[in-house]
Amino acid sequence: MSASTRPSPAASGERGRRRAARKPLLLNGYLGYITTFVGAGLISGAVVHYPLDPARYGLTGLIAAAVFLFGTLMNEFVLARNRPNAARIAAVVAASLALSFGIGMLSGGLQHFEDFPDRGTWLIPAGLVVSFIAYVLRHDAARWRSIIRLTGAAVAITAAVVFLGLRGLAADLTAESAGGGGHSHGADESADSPAEPAPSTDAATTPGVSGSTTRPGPTPTPSGSTSARPGDSHKH
């Protein structure tokens, strides 16, 4: 190749900048976006509903984790212009997965706290702590010391306060669901309502029981005699 046909350094640099500025395919971006959020949503549902059916929601959690990891790989390595090394890839994947579970614990506990108050009592503060640690390791690993310093202490104190508040609220919800808020409405209604009358029994077969609705007939008199009535002593 002659010198006249070789591309100039300026042209090569311009071509490289155009290639770098080229946007990824729209479909790839959509797949990375939707799988990330669908995976996180499925994880939150699996975490909070796990006690209802461990086999079913355990499998749902594994599938959700796989979907979320697929979205992470799409966003961080397929669509990214600067691809990290293998060590950074492993760290990003692990931190992203932990972040998804932390967010799932937090969002699932909030959405279903009234349905599972005891479980939500520890899911919400634990999700707060896990998501914070995973976020630092995922997005700003160089500041990992902040986890054990002032910022981390503030998050831990907030989680403890949330736990104490939710524990009291869960106790109230449990008492309401068990006994109607501590009020025995059923006993009050039964005490206020009048007792139903006992069914009438035959006085002839049940000795000592009165209240027969039939009146006794006239007492028969011996033949040839008349019953004494008031006024019979008067003669006309």
Protein backbone atom coordinates (compact mmCIF):
# COMPACT_ATOMS: atom_id res chain seq x y z
CA MET A 1 0.00 0.00 0.00
CA SER A 2 1.43 3.30 -1.01
CA ALA A 3 1.71 6.20 1.36
CA SER A 4 -0.93 8.08 -0.58
CA THR A 5 -3.55 5.37 -0.01
CA ARG A 6 -2.93 4.95 3.73
CA PRO A 7 -5.52 6.63 5.96
CA SER A 8 -4.19 9.59 7.84
CA PRO A 9 -4.04 9.46 11.64
CA ALA A 10 -6.70 12.13 11.80
CA ALA A 11 -9.08 10.05 9.66
CA SER A 12 -8.44 6.95 11.74
CA GLY A 13 -9.13 8.85 14.93
CA GLU A 14 -12.34 10.25 13.53
CA ARG A 15 -13.50 6.81 12.48
CA GLY A 16 -12.73 5.44 15.94
CA ARG A 17 -14.67 8.23 17.61
CA ARG A 18 -17.66 7.56 15.39
CA ARG A 19 -17.49 3.86 16.24
CA ALA A 20 -17.27 4.66 19.96
CA ALA A 21 -20.18 7.05 19.75
CA ARG A 22 -22.34 4.49 17.98
CA LYS A 23 -25.28 3.60 20.22
CA PRO A 24 -26.16 -0.01 21.02
CA LEU A 25 -29.16 -1.61 19.40
CA LEU A 26 -32.48 -0.52 20.88
CA LEU A 27 -33.61 -4.11 21.41
CA ASN A 28 -30.48 -4.96 23.40
CA GLY A 29 -31.00 -1.96 25.64
CA TYR A 30 -34.64 -2.89 26.16
CA LEU A 31 -33.75 -6.49 27.05
CA GLY A 32 -31.16 -5.38 29.56
CA TYR A 33 -33.56 -2.90 31.14
CA ILE A 34 -36.63 -5.11 31.40
CA THR A 35 -34.82 -8.23 32.62
CA THR A 36 -33.17 -6.24 35.38
CA PHE A 37 -36.42 -4.89 36.78
CA VAL A 38 -38.48 -8.03 36.16
CA GLY A 39 -35.85 -10.08 37.95
CA ALA A 40 -35.83 -7.67 40.90
CA GLY A 41 -39.63 -7.78 41.11
CA LEU A 42 -39.72 -11.57 41.04
CA ILE A 43 -37.04 -11.71 43.72
CA SER A 44 -39.08 -9.47 46.02
CA GLY A 45 -42.15 -11.67 45.57
CA ALA A 46 -40.20 -14.87 46.15
CA VAL A 47 -38.54 -13.53 49.30
CA VAL A 48 -41.72 -12.38 51.01
CA HIS A 49 -43.92 -15.34 49.96
CA TYR A 50 -41.35 -18.07 50.61
CA PRO A 51 -42.97 -19.43 53.84
CA LEU A 52 -46.27 -20.10 52.03
CA ASP A 53 -44.75 -22.62 49.60
CA PRO A 54 -40.97 -23.07 49.96
CA ALA A 55 -40.62 -25.32 46.92
CA ARG A 56 -42.56 -23.02 44.61
CA TYR A 57 -41.13 -19.71 45.72
CA GLY A 58 -37.63 -21.13 46.13
CA LEU A 59 -37.72 -22.07 42.45
CA THR A 60 -39.17 -18.65 41.63
CA GLY A 61 -36.29 -17.00 43.46
CA LEU A 62 -33.70 -19.01 41.51
CA ILE A 63 -35.33 -18.14 38.19
CA ALA A 64 -35.58 -14.50 39.23
CA ALA A 65 -31.90 -14.43 40.16
CA ALA A 66 -31.01 -15.86 36.74
CA VAL A 67 -33.17 -13.26 34.97
CA PHE A 68 -31.62 -10.46 37.00
CA LEU A 69 -28.09 -11.68 36.31
CA PHE A 70 -28.88 -11.80 32.60
CA GLY A 71 -29.96 -8.17 32.73
CA THR A 72 -26.82 -7.25 34.68
CA LEU A 73 -24.57 -8.92 32.12
CA MET A 74 -26.40 -7.17 29.29
CA ASN A 75 -26.12 -3.75 30.89
CA GLU A 76 -22.61 -3.99 32.28
CA PHE A 77 -20.71 -6.02 29.68
CA VAL A 78 -22.62 -6.34 26.42
CA LEU A 79 -23.87 -2.77 26.21
CA ALA A 80 -20.99 -1.14 28.08
CA ARG A 81 -18.23 0.51 26.09
CA ASN A 82 -15.51 -0.20 28.63
CA ARG A 83 -15.50 -3.82 29.70
CA PRO A 84 -13.90 -4.62 33.07
CA ASN A 85 -11.57 -7.50 33.81
CA ALA A 86 -12.64 -10.88 35.18
CA ALA A 87 -12.19 -9.91 38.85
CA ARG A 88 -14.30 -6.82 38.41
CA ILE A 89 -16.95 -8.83 36.55
CA ALA A 90 -17.26 -11.28 39.46
CA ALA A 91 -17.47 -8.45 41.99
CA VAL A 92 -20.12 -6.57 40.00
CA VAL A 93 -22.25 -9.69 39.50
CA ALA A 94 -22.12 -10.65 43.19
CA ALA A 95 -22.84 -7.12 44.39
CA SER A 96 -25.66 -6.69 41.88
CA LEU A 97 -27.29 -9.92 42.99
CA ALA A 98 -27.01 -8.94 46.66
CA LEU A 99 -28.44 -5.51 45.82
CA SER A 100 -31.43 -7.11 44.07
CA PHE A 101 -32.17 -9.32 47.08
CA GLY A 102 -31.80 -6.38 49.47
CA ILE A 103 -34.21 -4.29 47.44
CA GLY A 104 -36.54 -7.28 47.16
CA MET A 105 -36.56 -7.73 50.93
CA LEU A 106 -37.26 -4.04 51.45
CA SER A 107 -39.97 -3.64 48.81
CA GLY A 108 -41.61 -7.02 49.46
CA GLY A 109 -41.72 -6.43 53.20
CA LEU A 110 -43.31 -3.02 52.71
CA GLN A 111 -45.93 -4.22 50.22
CA HIS A 112 -47.00 -7.27 52.24
CA PHE A 113 -46.39 -6.12 55.80
CA GLU A 114 -50.08 -6.33 56.68
CA ASP A 115 -50.24 -9.88 55.30
CA PHE A 116 -47.02 -11.08 56.99
CA PRO A 117 -46.33 -8.67 59.87
CA ASP A 118 -43.89 -10.90 61.74
CA ARG A 119 -41.84 -11.60 58.61
CA GLY A 120 -41.96 -8.00 57.44
CA THR A 121 -40.65 -6.84 60.83
CA TRP A 122 -37.18 -8.18 60.05
CA LEU A 123 -37.33 -8.19 56.24
CA ILE A 124 -37.58 -4.39 55.97
CA PRO A 125 -34.63 -3.40 58.21
CA ALA A 126 -32.51 -6.29 56.92
CA GLY A 127 -33.24 -5.27 53.35
CA LEU A 128 -32.21 -1.71 54.19
CA VAL A 129 -28.82 -2.85 55.50
CA VAL A 130 -28.17 -5.41 52.75
CA SER A 131 -29.11 -3.01 49.96
CA PHE A 132 -26.85 -0.27 51.36
CA ILE A 133 -23.82 -2.55 51.64
CA ALA A 134 -24.42 -4.02 48.19
CA TYR A 135 -24.90 -0.57 46.67
CA VAL A 136 -21.56 0.66 48.00
CA LEU A 137 -19.74 -2.44 46.75
CA ARG A 138 -21.51 -2.30 43.41
CA HIS A 139 -21.30 1.39 42.50
CA ASP A 140 -18.48 2.81 44.60
CA ALA A 141 -16.29 0.00 45.89
CA ALA A 142 -13.44 2.41 46.60
CA ARG A 143 -15.51 3.86 49.43
CA TRP A 144 -16.13 0.55 51.19
CA ARG A 145 -14.90 2.05 54.46
CA SER A 146 -18.06 4.14 54.58
CA ILE A 147 -19.91 0.93 55.42
CA ILE A 148 -18.35 0.88 58.89
CA ARG A 149 -18.09 4.63 59.39
CA LEU A 150 -20.61 7.40 59.93
CA THR A 151 -22.84 6.62 56.95
CA GLY A 152 -22.99 2.93 57.76
CA ALA A 153 -23.70 3.69 61.42
CA ALA A 154 -26.58 5.97 60.41
CA VAL A 155 -28.06 3.22 58.24
CA ALA A 156 -27.68 0.65 61.03
CA ILE A 157 -29.36 2.96 63.59
CA THR A 158 -32.19 3.66 61.17
CA ALA A 159 -32.68 -0.07 60.61
CA ALA A 160 -32.78 -0.69 64.39
CA VAL A 161 -35.37 2.05 64.93
CA VAL A 162 -37.46 0.69 62.04
CA PHE A 163 -37.26 -2.80 63.52
CA LEU A 164 -38.49 -1.65 66.94
CA GLY A 165 -41.34 0.35 65.45
CA LEU A 166 -42.44 -2.46 63.16
CA ARG A 167 -42.31 -4.99 65.98
CA GLY A 168 -44.87 -2.98 67.97
CA LEU A 169 -47.03 -2.50 64.88
CA ALA A 170 -46.86 -6.22 64.08
CA ALA A 171 -47.95 -7.06 67.63
CA ASP A 172 -51.00 -4.80 67.24
CA LEU A 173 -51.91 -6.33 63.89
CA THR A 174 -51.55 -9.84 65.27
CA ALA A 175 -53.77 -9.01 68.26
CA GLU A 176 -56.42 -7.49 66.00
CA SER A 177 -56.48 -10.48 63.67
CA ALA A 178 -56.60 -12.95 66.59
CA GLY A 179 -59.22 -11.33 68.80
CA GLY A 180 -60.74 -8.44 66.95
CA GLY A 181 -58.41 -5.89 68.47
CA GLY A 182 -58.76 -7.25 71.99
CA HIS A 183 -62.52 -6.77 72.17
CA SER A 184 -64.67 -9.88 72.58
CA HIS A 185 -67.54 -8.75 70.43
CA GLY A 186 -68.95 -12.23 70.15
CA ALA A 187 -69.26 -12.60 73.93
CA ASP A 188 -70.90 -9.22 74.31
CA GLU A 189 -73.51 -9.99 71.67
CA SER A 190 -74.34 -13.32 73.22
CA ALA A 191 -74.70 -11.72 76.65
CA ASP A 192 -76.95 -8.92 75.43
CA SER A 193 -79.25 -11.07 73.33
CA PRO A 194 -82.20 -12.58 75.26
CA ALA A 195 -82.23 -16.28 75.83
CA GLU A 196 -84.49 -18.27 73.60
CA PRO A 197 -87.47 -19.86 75.37
CA ALA A 198 -87.11 -23.53 76.10
CA PRO A 199 -89.29 -25.79 73.97
CA SER A 200 -92.54 -26.78 75.64
CA THR A 201 -92.82 -30.32 76.92
CA ASP A 202 -95.83 -32.45 77.65
CA ALA A 203 -96.92 -31.93 81.24
CA ALA A 204 -98.37 -35.41 81.35
CA THR A 205 -95.09 -37.10 80.56
CA THR A 206 -92.81 -34.68 82.38
CA PRO A 207 -93.75 -34.43 86.03
CA GLY A 208 -93.34 -31.12 87.75
CA VAL A 209 -93.52 -29.13 84.51
CA SER A 210 -96.37 -26.66 84.18
CA GLY A 211 -97.36 -24.29 81.45
CA SER A 212 -99.61 -26.47 79.37
CA THR A 213 -101.50 -24.40 76.86
CA THR A 214 -104.74 -26.52 77.14
CA ARG A 215 -107.25 -25.67 79.80
CA PRO A 216 -108.71 -28.46 81.92
CA GLY A 217 -112.24 -29.47 80.93
CA PRO A 218 -115.25 -29.38 83.29
CA THR A 219 -115.14 -31.83 86.16
CA PRO A 220 -117.75 -34.54 85.64
CA THR A 221 -120.39 -34.83 88.37
CA PRO A 222 -122.04 -37.98 89.60
CA SER A 223 -125.24 -38.92 87.83
CA GLY A 224 -128.40 -37.58 89.47
CA SER A 225 -126.64 -34.67 91.03
CA THR A 226 -126.17 -31.19 89.81
CA SER A 227 -123.14 -29.11 90.18
CA ALA A 228 -123.40 -26.42 92.75
CA ARG A 229 -123.30 -22.97 91.31
CA PRO A 230 -123.50 -19.63 92.99
CA GLY A 231 -127.10 -18.54 93.38
CA ASP A 232 -128.65 -22.05 93.45
CA SER A 233 -129.79 -21.50 97.03
CA HIS A 234 -132.22 -18.82 95.88
CA LYS A 235 -135.79 -19.99 95.31
CA HIS A 236 -138.05 -18.34 92.87
